[in-house]
PDB file of all heavy atoms in Angstrom:
ATOM      1  N   TRP A   1     -33.600 -36.170  -6.200  1.00  0.00           N
ATOM      2  CA  TRP A   1     -32.179 -35.904  -6.397  1.00  0.00           C
ATOM      3  C   TRP A   1     -31.725 -34.521  -5.953  1.00  0.00           C
ATOM      4  O   TRP A   1     -30.722 -34.293  -5.372  1.00  0.00           O
ATOM      5  CB  TRP A   1     -31.767 -36.248  -7.807  1.00  0.00           C
ATOM      6  CG  TRP A   1     -31.877 -37.710  -8.069  1.00  0.00           C
ATOM      7  CD1 TRP A   1     -32.870 -38.371  -8.725  1.00  0.00           C
ATOM      8  CD2 TRP A   1     -30.992 -38.711  -7.553  1.00  0.00           C
ATOM      9  NE1 TRP A   1     -32.661 -39.653  -8.731  1.00  0.00           N
ATOM     10  CE2 TRP A   1     -31.543 -40.007  -7.973  1.00  0.00           C
ATOM     11  CE3 TRP A   1     -29.832 -38.754  -6.829  1.00  0.00           C
ATOM     12  CZ2 TRP A   1     -30.953 -41.215  -7.708  1.00  0.00           C
ATOM     13  CZ3 TRP A   1     -29.199 -39.942  -6.553  1.00  0.00           C
ATOM     14  CH2 TRP A   1     -29.760 -41.159  -6.996  1.00  0.00           C
ATOM     15  N   ARG A   2     -32.593 -33.524  -6.300  1.00  0.00           N
ATOM     16  CA  ARG A   2     -32.300 -32.157  -5.934  1.00  0.00           C
ATOM     17  C   ARG A   2     -32.326 -32.050  -4.377  1.00  0.00           C
ATOM     18  O   ARG A   2     -31.474 -31.377  -3.796  1.00  0.00           O
ATOM     19  CB  ARG A   2     -33.326 -31.174  -6.501  1.00  0.00           C
ATOM     20  CG  ARG A   2     -33.085 -30.964  -7.955  1.00  0.00           C
ATOM     21  CD  ARG A   2     -34.060 -29.960  -8.575  1.00  0.00           C
ATOM     22  NE  ARG A   2     -33.746 -29.645  -9.921  1.00  0.00           N
ATOM     23  CZ  ARG A   2     -32.950 -28.606 -10.279  1.00  0.00           C
ATOM     24  NH1 ARG A   2     -32.454 -27.801  -9.405  1.00  0.00           N
ATOM     25  NH2 ARG A   2     -32.721 -28.379 -11.574  1.00  0.00           N
ATOM     26  N   GLU A   3     -33.247 -32.762  -3.740  1.00  0.00           N
ATOM     27  CA  GLU A   3     -33.338 -32.792  -2.251  1.00  0.00           C
ATOM     28  C   GLU A   3     -32.097 -33.443  -1.633  1.00  0.00           C
ATOM     29  O   GLU A   3     -31.499 -32.870  -0.704  1.00  0.00           O
ATOM     30  CB  GLU A   3     -34.531 -33.506  -1.797  1.00  0.00           C
ATOM     31  CG  GLU A   3     -35.820 -32.832  -2.140  1.00  0.00           C
ATOM     32  CD  GLU A   3     -37.065 -33.707  -1.864  1.00  0.00           C
ATOM     33  OE1 GLU A   3     -36.936 -34.749  -1.271  1.00  0.00           O
ATOM     34  OE2 GLU A   3     -38.134 -33.255  -2.340  1.00  0.00           O
ATOM     35  N   LEU A   4     -31.631 -34.572  -2.238  1.00  0.00           N
ATOM     36  CA  LEU A   4     -30.421 -35.197  -1.745  1.00  0.00           C
ATOM     37  C   LEU A   4     -29.202 -34.269  -1.841  1.00  0.00           C
ATOM     38  O   LEU A   4     -28.480 -34.078  -0.907  1.00  0.00           O
ATOM     39  CB  LEU A   4     -30.132 -36.516  -2.494  1.00  0.00           C
ATOM     40  CG  LEU A   4     -28.790 -37.095  -2.261  1.00  0.00           C
ATOM     41  CD1 LEU A   4     -28.738 -37.623  -0.810  1.00  0.00           C
ATOM     42  CD2 LEU A   4     -28.470 -38.231  -3.204  1.00  0.00           C
ATOM     43  N   ILE A   5     -29.032 -33.646  -2.977  1.00  0.00           N
ATOM     44  CA  ILE A   5     -27.906 -32.743  -3.234  1.00  0.00           C
ATOM     45  C   ILE A   5     -27.982 -31.552  -2.267  1.00  0.00           C
ATOM     46  O   ILE A   5     -26.985 -31.121  -1.691  1.00  0.00           O
ATOM     47  CB  ILE A   5     -27.799 -32.333  -4.678  1.00  0.00           C
ATOM     48  CG1 ILE A   5     -27.411 -33.572  -5.525  1.00  0.00           C
ATOM     49  CG2 ILE A   5     -26.845 -31.215  -4.870  1.00  0.00           C
ATOM     50  CD1 ILE A   5     -27.600 -33.400  -7.014  1.00  0.00           C
ATOM     51  N   SER A   6     -29.164 -31.027  -2.058  1.00  0.00           N
ATOM     52  CA  SER A   6     -29.350 -29.955  -1.116  1.00  0.00           C
ATOM     53  C   SER A   6     -28.965 -30.346   0.322  1.00  0.00           C
ATOM     54  O   SER A   6     -28.271 -29.592   1.034  1.00  0.00           O
ATOM     55  CB  SER A   6     -30.797 -29.465  -1.098  1.00  0.00           C
ATOM     56  OG  SER A   6     -30.990 -28.445  -0.184  1.00  0.00           O
ATOM     57  N   ARG A   7     -29.330 -31.537   0.758  1.00  0.00           N
ATOM     58  CA  ARG A   7     -28.970 -32.069   2.049  1.00  0.00           C
ATOM     59  C   ARG A   7     -27.487 -32.257   2.218  1.00  0.00           C
ATOM     60  O   ARG A   7     -26.921 -32.220   3.338  1.00  0.00           O
ATOM     61  CB  ARG A   7     -29.686 -33.388   2.344  1.00  0.00           C
ATOM     62  CG  ARG A   7     -31.118 -33.219   2.753  1.00  0.00           C
ATOM     63  CD  ARG A   7     -31.680 -34.476   3.358  1.00  0.00           C
ATOM     64  NE  ARG A   7     -31.396 -35.710   2.632  1.00  0.00           N
ATOM     65  CZ  ARG A   7     -32.160 -36.250   1.716  1.00  0.00           C
ATOM     66  NH1 ARG A   7     -33.300 -35.713   1.376  1.00  0.00           N
ATOM     67  NH2 ARG A   7     -31.820 -37.367   1.063  1.00  0.00           N
ATOM     68  N   LEU A   8     -26.774 -32.521   1.092  1.00  0.00           N
ATOM     69  CA  LEU A   8     -25.323 -32.731   1.185  1.00  0.00           C
ATOM     70  C   LEU A   8     -24.561 -31.481   1.538  1.00  0.00           C
ATOM     71  O   LEU A   8     -23.418 -31.536   1.944  1.00  0.00           O
ATOM     72  CB  LEU A   8     -24.782 -33.351  -0.116  1.00  0.00           C
ATOM     73  CG  LEU A   8     -25.320 -34.748  -0.501  1.00  0.00           C
ATOM     74  CD1 LEU A   8     -24.853 -35.155  -1.872  1.00  0.00           C
ATOM     75  CD2 LEU A   8     -24.843 -35.729   0.602  1.00  0.00           C
ATOM     76  N   GLY A   9     -25.151 -30.279   1.303  1.00  0.00           N
ATOM     77  CA  GLY A   9     -24.608 -29.052   1.734  1.00  0.00           C
ATOM     78  C   GLY A   9     -23.404 -28.635   0.877  1.00  0.00           C
ATOM     79  O   GLY A   9     -22.446 -28.058   1.416  1.00  0.00           O
ATOM     80  N   VAL A  10     -23.400 -28.984  -0.387  1.00  0.00           N
ATOM     81  CA  VAL A  10     -22.210 -28.664  -1.250  1.00  0.00           C
ATOM     82  C   VAL A  10     -22.607 -27.569  -2.257  1.00  0.00           C
ATOM     83  O   VAL A  10     -23.815 -27.310  -2.502  1.00  0.00           O
ATOM     84  CB  VAL A  10     -21.776 -29.915  -2.025  1.00  0.00           C
ATOM     85  CG1 VAL A  10     -21.088 -30.877  -1.081  1.00  0.00           C
ATOM     86  CG2 VAL A  10     -22.927 -30.538  -2.752  1.00  0.00           C
ATOM     87  N   ASP A  11     -21.602 -26.893  -2.775  1.00  0.00           N
ATOM     88  CA  ASP A  11     -21.780 -25.846  -3.757  1.00  0.00           C
ATOM     89  C   ASP A  11     -21.800 -26.465  -5.172  1.00  0.00           C
ATOM     90  O   ASP A  11     -20.814 -26.222  -5.935  1.00  0.00           O
ATOM     91  CB  ASP A  11     -20.708 -24.793  -3.579  1.00  0.00           C
ATOM     92  CG  ASP A  11     -20.879 -23.636  -4.557  1.00  0.00           C
ATOM     93  OD1 ASP A  11     -21.999 -23.365  -4.984  1.00  0.00           O
ATOM     94  OD2 ASP A  11     -19.811 -22.982  -4.979  1.00  0.00           O
ATOM     95  N   TRP A  12     -22.783 -27.219  -5.448  1.00  0.00           N
ATOM     96  CA  TRP A  12     -22.912 -27.810  -6.753  1.00  0.00           C
ATOM     97  C   TRP A  12     -24.011 -27.058  -7.518  1.00  0.00           C
ATOM     98  O   TRP A  12     -24.982 -26.604  -6.983  1.00  0.00           O
ATOM     99  CB  TRP A  12     -23.287 -29.282  -6.667  1.00  0.00           C
ATOM    100  CG  TRP A  12     -22.170 -30.201  -6.139  1.00  0.00           C
ATOM    101  CD1 TRP A  12     -20.885 -29.795  -5.933  1.00  0.00           C
ATOM    102  CD2 TRP A  12     -22.259 -31.507  -5.802  1.00  0.00           C
ATOM    103  NE1 TRP A  12     -20.137 -30.893  -5.456  1.00  0.00           N
ATOM    104  CE2 TRP A  12     -20.981 -31.918  -5.323  1.00  0.00           C
ATOM    105  CE3 TRP A  12     -23.303 -32.454  -5.748  1.00  0.00           C
ATOM    106  CZ2 TRP A  12     -20.729 -33.284  -4.923  1.00  0.00           C
ATOM    107  CZ3 TRP A  12     -23.038 -33.714  -5.335  1.00  0.00           C
ATOM    108  CH2 TRP A  12     -21.776 -34.167  -4.965  1.00  0.00           C
ATOM    109  N   HIS A  13     -23.757 -26.990  -8.856  1.00  0.00           N
ATOM    110  CA  HIS A  13     -24.673 -26.310  -9.745  1.00  0.00           C
ATOM    111  C   HIS A  13     -25.557 -27.277 -10.431  1.00  0.00           C
ATOM    112  O   HIS A  13     -25.031 -28.188 -11.074  1.00  0.00           O
ATOM    113  CB  HIS A  13     -23.831 -25.413 -10.702  1.00  0.00           C
ATOM    114  CG  HIS A  13     -22.939 -24.493 -10.012  1.00  0.00           C
ATOM    115  ND1 HIS A  13     -23.383 -23.304  -9.457  1.00  0.00           N
ATOM    116  CD2 HIS A  13     -21.608 -24.637  -9.751  1.00  0.00           C
ATOM    117  CE1 HIS A  13     -22.304 -22.739  -8.880  1.00  0.00           C
ATOM    118  NE2 HIS A  13     -21.244 -23.518  -9.020  1.00  0.00           N
ATOM    119  N   LEU A  14     -26.855 -27.042 -10.360  1.00  0.00           N
ATOM    120  CA  LEU A  14     -27.807 -27.951 -11.052  1.00  0.00           C
ATOM    121  C   LEU A  14     -28.358 -27.237 -12.264  1.00  0.00           C
ATOM    122  O   LEU A  14     -28.434 -25.984 -12.323  1.00  0.00           O
ATOM    123  CB  LEU A  14     -28.906 -28.272 -10.095  1.00  0.00           C
ATOM    124  CG  LEU A  14     -28.502 -28.950  -8.765  1.00  0.00           C
ATOM    125  CD1 LEU A  14     -29.669 -29.094  -7.860  1.00  0.00           C
ATOM    126  CD2 LEU A  14     -27.856 -30.310  -9.062  1.00  0.00           C
ATOM    127  N   ALA A  15     -28.710 -28.035 -13.265  1.00  0.00           N
ATOM    128  CA  ALA A  15     -29.182 -27.464 -14.543  1.00  0.00           C
ATOM    129  C   ALA A  15     -30.696 -27.696 -14.642  1.00  0.00           C
ATOM    130  O   ALA A  15     -31.325 -28.324 -13.803  1.00  0.00           O
ATOM    131  CB  ALA A  15     -28.481 -28.184 -15.665  1.00  0.00           C
ATOM    132  N   ASP A  16     -31.246 -27.136 -15.714  1.00  0.00           N
ATOM    133  CA  ASP A  16     -32.642 -27.446 -16.003  1.00  0.00           C
ATOM    134  C   ASP A  16     -32.736 -28.932 -16.316  1.00  0.00           C
ATOM    135  O   ASP A  16     -31.819 -29.575 -16.729  1.00  0.00           O
ATOM    136  CB  ASP A  16     -33.134 -26.653 -17.201  1.00  0.00           C
ATOM    137  CG  ASP A  16     -33.232 -25.163 -16.873  1.00  0.00           C
ATOM    138  OD1 ASP A  16     -33.443 -24.819 -15.710  1.00  0.00           O
ATOM    139  OD2 ASP A  16     -33.120 -24.315 -17.789  1.00  0.00           O
ATOM    140  N   PRO A  17     -33.942 -29.504 -16.183  1.00  0.00           N
ATOM    141  CA  PRO A  17     -34.118 -30.931 -16.490  1.00  0.00           C
ATOM    142  C   PRO A  17     -33.865 -31.323 -17.942  1.00  0.00           C
ATOM    143  O   PRO A  17     -34.094 -30.563 -18.834  1.00  0.00           O
ATOM    144  CB  PRO A  17     -35.558 -31.204 -16.061  1.00  0.00           C
ATOM    145  CG  PRO A  17     -35.998 -30.062 -15.230  1.00  0.00           C
ATOM    146  CD  PRO A  17     -35.158 -28.904 -15.691  1.00  0.00           C
ATOM    147  N   ALA A  18     -33.404 -32.537 -18.068  1.00  0.00           N
ATOM    148  CA  ALA A  18     -33.304 -33.110 -19.442  1.00  0.00           C
ATOM    149  C   ALA A  18     -34.697 -33.533 -19.844  1.00  0.00           C
ATOM    150  O   ALA A  18     -35.588 -33.753 -19.028  1.00  0.00           O
ATOM    151  CB  ALA A  18     -32.353 -34.294 -19.483  1.00  0.00           C
ATOM    152  N   ARG A  19     -34.914 -33.770 -21.133  1.00  0.00           N
ATOM    153  CA  ARG A  19     -36.222 -34.202 -21.587  1.00  0.00           C
ATOM    154  C   ARG A  19     -36.175 -35.774 -21.726  1.00  0.00           C
ATOM    155  O   ARG A  19     -35.139 -36.353 -22.087  1.00  0.00           O
ATOM    156  CB  ARG A  19     -36.510 -33.575 -22.955  1.00  0.00           C
ATOM    157  CG  ARG A  19     -36.749 -32.105 -22.850  1.00  0.00           C
ATOM    158  CD  ARG A  19     -36.871 -31.430 -24.199  1.00  0.00           C
ATOM    159  NE  ARG A  19     -37.697 -32.222 -25.142  1.00  0.00           N
ATOM    160  CZ  ARG A  19     -38.906 -31.907 -25.579  1.00  0.00           C
ATOM    161  NH1 ARG A  19     -39.461 -30.761 -25.199  1.00  0.00           N
ATOM    162  NH2 ARG A  19     -39.527 -32.624 -26.389  1.00  0.00           N
ATOM    163  N   GLN A  20     -37.332 -36.397 -21.469  1.00  0.00           N
ATOM    164  CA  GLN A  20     -37.456 -37.848 -21.592  1.00  0.00           C
ATOM    165  C   GLN A  20     -37.093 -38.342 -22.950  1.00  0.00           C
ATOM    166  O   GLN A  20     -36.416 -39.307 -23.178  1.00  0.00           O
ATOM    167  CB  GLN A  20     -38.872 -38.252 -21.219  1.00  0.00           C
ATOM    168  CG  GLN A  20     -39.125 -39.729 -21.275  1.00  0.00           C
ATOM    169  CD  GLN A  20     -38.273 -40.515 -20.279  1.00  0.00           C
ATOM    170  OE1 GLN A  20     -38.204 -40.173 -19.104  1.00  0.00           O
ATOM    171  NE2 GLN A  20     -37.668 -41.642 -20.699  1.00  0.00           N
ATOM    172  N   ASP A  21     -37.532 -37.589 -23.995  1.00  0.00           N
ATOM    173  CA  ASP A  21     -37.244 -38.006 -25.346  1.00  0.00           C
ATOM    174  C   ASP A  21     -35.753 -37.951 -25.673  1.00  0.00           C
ATOM    175  O   ASP A  21     -35.225 -38.705 -26.475  1.00  0.00           O
ATOM    176  CB  ASP A  21     -38.114 -37.315 -26.384  1.00  0.00           C
ATOM    177  CG  ASP A  21     -37.929 -35.766 -26.382  1.00  0.00           C
ATOM    178  OD1 ASP A  21     -37.396 -35.219 -25.399  1.00  0.00           O
ATOM    179  OD2 ASP A  21     -38.285 -35.143 -27.384  1.00  0.00           O
ATOM    180  N   GLY A  22     -35.063 -36.925 -25.065  1.00  0.00           N
ATOM    181  CA  GLY A  22     -33.617 -36.866 -25.260  1.00  0.00           C
ATOM    182  C   GLY A  22     -32.866 -38.032 -24.572  1.00  0.00           C
ATOM    183  O   GLY A  22     -31.911 -38.551 -25.156  1.00  0.00           O
ATOM    184  N   ILE A  23     -33.366 -38.412 -23.422  1.00  0.00           N
ATOM    185  CA  ILE A  23     -32.751 -39.584 -22.756  1.00  0.00           C
ATOM    186  C   ILE A  23     -32.983 -40.848 -23.600  1.00  0.00           C
ATOM    187  O   ILE A  23     -32.056 -41.687 -23.830  1.00  0.00           O
ATOM    188  CB  ILE A  23     -33.347 -39.792 -21.304  1.00  0.00           C
ATOM    189  CG1 ILE A  23     -32.912 -38.615 -20.453  1.00  0.00           C
ATOM    190  CG2 ILE A  23     -32.883 -41.071 -20.722  1.00  0.00           C
ATOM    191  CD1 ILE A  23     -33.592 -38.561 -19.112  1.00  0.00           C
ATOM    192  N   ALA A  24     -34.208 -41.019 -24.133  1.00  0.00           N
ATOM    193  CA  ALA A  24     -34.498 -42.146 -24.959  1.00  0.00           C
ATOM    194  C   ALA A  24     -33.615 -42.209 -26.185  1.00  0.00           C
ATOM    195  O   ALA A  24     -33.127 -43.244 -26.631  1.00  0.00           O
ATOM    196  CB  ALA A  24     -36.011 -42.162 -25.317  1.00  0.00           C
ATOM    197  N   ALA A  25     -33.435 -41.025 -26.779  1.00  0.00           N
ATOM    198  CA  ALA A  25     -32.570 -40.946 -28.008  1.00  0.00           C
ATOM    199  C   ALA A  25     -31.112 -41.308 -27.691  1.00  0.00           C
ATOM    200  O   ALA A  25     -30.460 -41.994 -28.446  1.00  0.00           O
ATOM    201  CB  ALA A  25     -32.673 -39.564 -28.629  1.00  0.00           C
ATOM    202  N   ALA A  26     -30.650 -40.864 -26.534  1.00  0.00           N
ATOM    203  CA  ALA A  26     -29.268 -41.240 -26.125  1.00  0.00           C
ATOM    204  C   ALA A  26     -29.124 -42.727 -25.852  1.00  0.00           C
ATOM    205  O   ALA A  26     -28.137 -43.327 -26.246  1.00  0.00           O
ATOM    206  CB  ALA A  26     -28.874 -40.411 -24.909  1.00  0.00           C
ATOM    207  N   GLU A  27     -30.086 -43.282 -25.172  1.00  0.00           N
ATOM    208  CA  GLU A  27     -30.092 -44.735 -24.952  1.00  0.00           C
ATOM    209  C   GLU A  27     -30.081 -45.461 -26.277  1.00  0.00           C
ATOM    210  O   GLU A  27     -29.350 -46.497 -26.441  1.00  0.00           O
ATOM    211  CB  GLU A  27     -31.322 -45.125 -24.097  1.00  0.00           C
ATOM    212  CG  GLU A  27     -31.266 -44.667 -22.686  1.00  0.00           C
ATOM    213  CD  GLU A  27     -32.514 -44.960 -21.924  1.00  0.00           C
ATOM    214  OE1 GLU A  27     -33.642 -44.840 -22.470  1.00  0.00           O
ATOM    215  OE2 GLU A  27     -32.429 -45.331 -20.697  1.00  0.00           O
ATOM    216  N   GLU A  28     -30.904 -45.068 -27.220  1.00  0.00           N
ATOM    217  CA  GLU A  28     -30.924 -45.747 -28.486  1.00  0.00           C
ATOM    218  C   GLU A  28     -29.593 -45.587 -29.230  1.00  0.00           C
ATOM    219  O   GLU A  28     -29.093 -46.519 -29.813  1.00  0.00           O
ATOM    220  CB  GLU A  28     -32.079 -45.125 -29.370  1.00  0.00           C
ATOM    221  CG  GLU A  28     -32.229 -45.877 -30.687  1.00  0.00           C
ATOM    222  CD  GLU A  28     -33.443 -45.420 -31.474  1.00  0.00           C
ATOM    223  OE1 GLU A  28     -34.338 -44.849 -30.907  1.00  0.00           O
ATOM    224  OE2 GLU A  28     -33.402 -45.565 -32.715  1.00  0.00           O
ATOM    225  N   ALA A  29     -28.999 -44.372 -29.269  1.00  0.00           N
ATOM    226  CA  ALA A  29     -27.757 -44.164 -29.921  1.00  0.00           C
ATOM    227  C   ALA A  29     -26.653 -45.020 -29.325  1.00  0.00           C
ATOM    228  O   ALA A  29     -25.764 -45.489 -30.057  1.00  0.00           O
ATOM    229  CB  ALA A  29     -27.407 -42.649 -29.828  1.00  0.00           C
ATOM    230  N   LEU A  30     -26.642 -45.224 -28.032  1.00  0.00           N
ATOM    231  CA  LEU A  30     -25.615 -45.986 -27.382  1.00  0.00           C
ATOM    232  C   LEU A  30     -25.952 -47.435 -27.293  1.00  0.00           C
ATOM    233  O   LEU A  30     -25.059 -48.290 -26.975  1.00  0.00           O
ATOM    234  CB  LEU A  30     -25.345 -45.490 -25.930  1.00  0.00           C
ATOM    235  CG  LEU A  30     -24.729 -44.058 -25.901  1.00  0.00           C
ATOM    236  CD1 LEU A  30     -24.642 -43.560 -24.454  1.00  0.00           C
ATOM    237  CD2 LEU A  30     -23.350 -44.025 -26.600  1.00  0.00           C
ATOM    238  N   GLY A  31     -27.172 -47.806 -27.571  1.00  0.00           N
ATOM    239  CA  GLY A  31     -27.548 -49.241 -27.701  1.00  0.00           C
ATOM    240  C   GLY A  31     -27.888 -49.928 -26.401  1.00  0.00           C
ATOM    241  O   GLY A  31     -27.894 -51.114 -26.370  1.00  0.00           O
ATOM    242  N   HIS A  32     -28.230 -49.174 -25.359  1.00  0.00           N
ATOM    243  CA  HIS A  32     -28.617 -49.779 -24.101  1.00  0.00           C
ATOM    244  C   HIS A  32     -29.301 -48.790 -23.242  1.00  0.00           C
ATOM    245  O   HIS A  32     -29.082 -47.563 -23.379  1.00  0.00           O
ATOM    246  CB  HIS A  32     -27.380 -50.356 -23.421  1.00  0.00           C
ATOM    247  CG  HIS A  32     -26.358 -49.333 -23.124  1.00  0.00           C
ATOM    248  ND1 HIS A  32     -26.407 -48.458 -22.033  1.00  0.00           N
ATOM    249  CD2 HIS A  32     -25.203 -49.000 -23.774  1.00  0.00           C
ATOM    250  CE1 HIS A  32     -25.342 -47.667 -22.073  1.00  0.00           C
ATOM    251  NE2 HIS A  32     -24.624 -47.983 -23.134  1.00  0.00           N
ATOM    252  N   PRO A  33     -30.106 -49.224 -22.275  1.00  0.00           N
ATOM    253  CA  PRO A  33     -30.766 -48.303 -21.358  1.00  0.00           C
ATOM    254  C   PRO A  33     -29.784 -47.773 -20.296  1.00  0.00           C
ATOM    255  O   PRO A  33     -28.780 -48.393 -20.035  1.00  0.00           O
ATOM    256  CB  PRO A  33     -31.839 -49.144 -20.673  1.00  0.00           C
ATOM    257  CG  PRO A  33     -31.328 -50.511 -20.787  1.00  0.00           C
ATOM    258  CD  PRO A  33     -30.507 -50.589 -22.059  1.00  0.00           C
ATOM    259  N   PHE A  34     -30.092 -46.573 -19.824  1.00  0.00           N
ATOM    260  CA  PHE A  34     -29.369 -46.049 -18.672  1.00  0.00           C
ATOM    261  C   PHE A  34     -29.907 -46.601 -17.397  1.00  0.00           C
ATOM    262  O   PHE A  34     -31.040 -46.969 -17.339  1.00  0.00           O
ATOM    263  CB  PHE A  34     -29.542 -44.498 -18.657  1.00  0.00           C
ATOM    264  CG  PHE A  34     -28.874 -43.722 -19.774  1.00  0.00           C
ATOM    265  CD1 PHE A  34     -29.023 -42.375 -19.815  1.00  0.00           C
ATOM    266  CD2 PHE A  34     -28.144 -44.380 -20.779  1.00  0.00           C
ATOM    267  CE1 PHE A  34     -28.424 -41.621 -20.827  1.00  0.00           C
ATOM    268  CE2 PHE A  34     -27.537 -43.640 -21.760  1.00  0.00           C
ATOM    269  CZ  PHE A  34     -27.670 -42.294 -21.797  1.00  0.00           C
ATOM    270  N   PRO A  35     -29.102 -46.580 -16.338  1.00  0.00           N
ATOM    271  CA  PRO A  35     -29.650 -46.993 -15.050  1.00  0.00           C
ATOM    272  C   PRO A  35     -30.789 -46.125 -14.609  1.00  0.00           C
ATOM    273  O   PRO A  35     -30.755 -44.878 -14.931  1.00  0.00           O
ATOM    274  CB  PRO A  35     -28.430 -46.835 -14.093  1.00  0.00           C
ATOM    275  CG  PRO A  35     -27.261 -46.881 -14.978  1.00  0.00           C
ATOM    276  CD  PRO A  35     -27.659 -46.300 -16.268  1.00  0.00           C
ATOM    277  N   ASP A  36     -31.763 -46.603 -13.930  1.00  0.00           N
ATOM    278  CA  ASP A  36     -32.945 -45.850 -13.515  1.00  0.00           C
ATOM    279  C   ASP A  36     -32.523 -44.619 -12.722  1.00  0.00           C
ATOM    280  O   ASP A  36     -33.116 -43.565 -12.878  1.00  0.00           O
ATOM    281  CB  ASP A  36     -33.893 -46.683 -12.741  1.00  0.00           C
ATOM    282  CG  ASP A  36     -34.631 -47.757 -13.599  1.00  0.00           C
ATOM    283  OD1 ASP A  36     -34.605 -47.616 -14.804  1.00  0.00           O
ATOM    284  OD2 ASP A  36     -35.122 -48.744 -13.020  1.00  0.00           O
ATOM    285  N   ASP A  37     -31.564 -44.776 -11.809  1.00  0.00           N
ATOM    286  CA  ASP A  37     -31.107 -43.607 -10.976  1.00  0.00           C
ATOM    287  C   ASP A  37     -30.578 -42.465 -11.881  1.00  0.00           C
ATOM    288  O   ASP A  37     -30.904 -41.291 -11.622  1.00  0.00           O
ATOM    289  CB  ASP A  37     -30.034 -44.027 -10.008  1.00  0.00           C
ATOM    290  CG  ASP A  37     -30.553 -44.833  -8.839  1.00  0.00           C
ATOM    291  OD1 ASP A  37     -31.800 -44.952  -8.730  1.00  0.00           O
ATOM    292  OD2 ASP A  37     -29.727 -45.321  -8.058  1.00  0.00           O
ATOM    293  N   LEU A  38     -29.803 -42.764 -12.898  1.00  0.00           N
ATOM    294  CA  LEU A  38     -29.242 -41.735 -13.743  1.00  0.00           C
ATOM    295  C   LEU A  38     -30.402 -41.058 -14.480  1.00  0.00           C
ATOM    296  O   LEU A  38     -30.380 -39.841 -14.614  1.00  0.00           O
ATOM    297  CB  LEU A  38     -28.217 -42.326 -14.723  1.00  0.00           C
ATOM    298  CG  LEU A  38     -27.613 -41.314 -15.690  1.00  0.00           C
ATOM    299  CD1 LEU A  38     -26.866 -40.204 -14.922  1.00  0.00           C
ATOM    300  CD2 LEU A  38     -26.660 -42.074 -16.668  1.00  0.00           C
TER     301      LEU A  38
END
């Protein structure tokens, strides 16, 4: 994803990575999995 955004040539700001356990907790709180791409 960082490579794709870099190739797009835009002035977008990227953050540090999220943690897998944080993603799992968000999925559980919302009651469904996130798309793999997200």
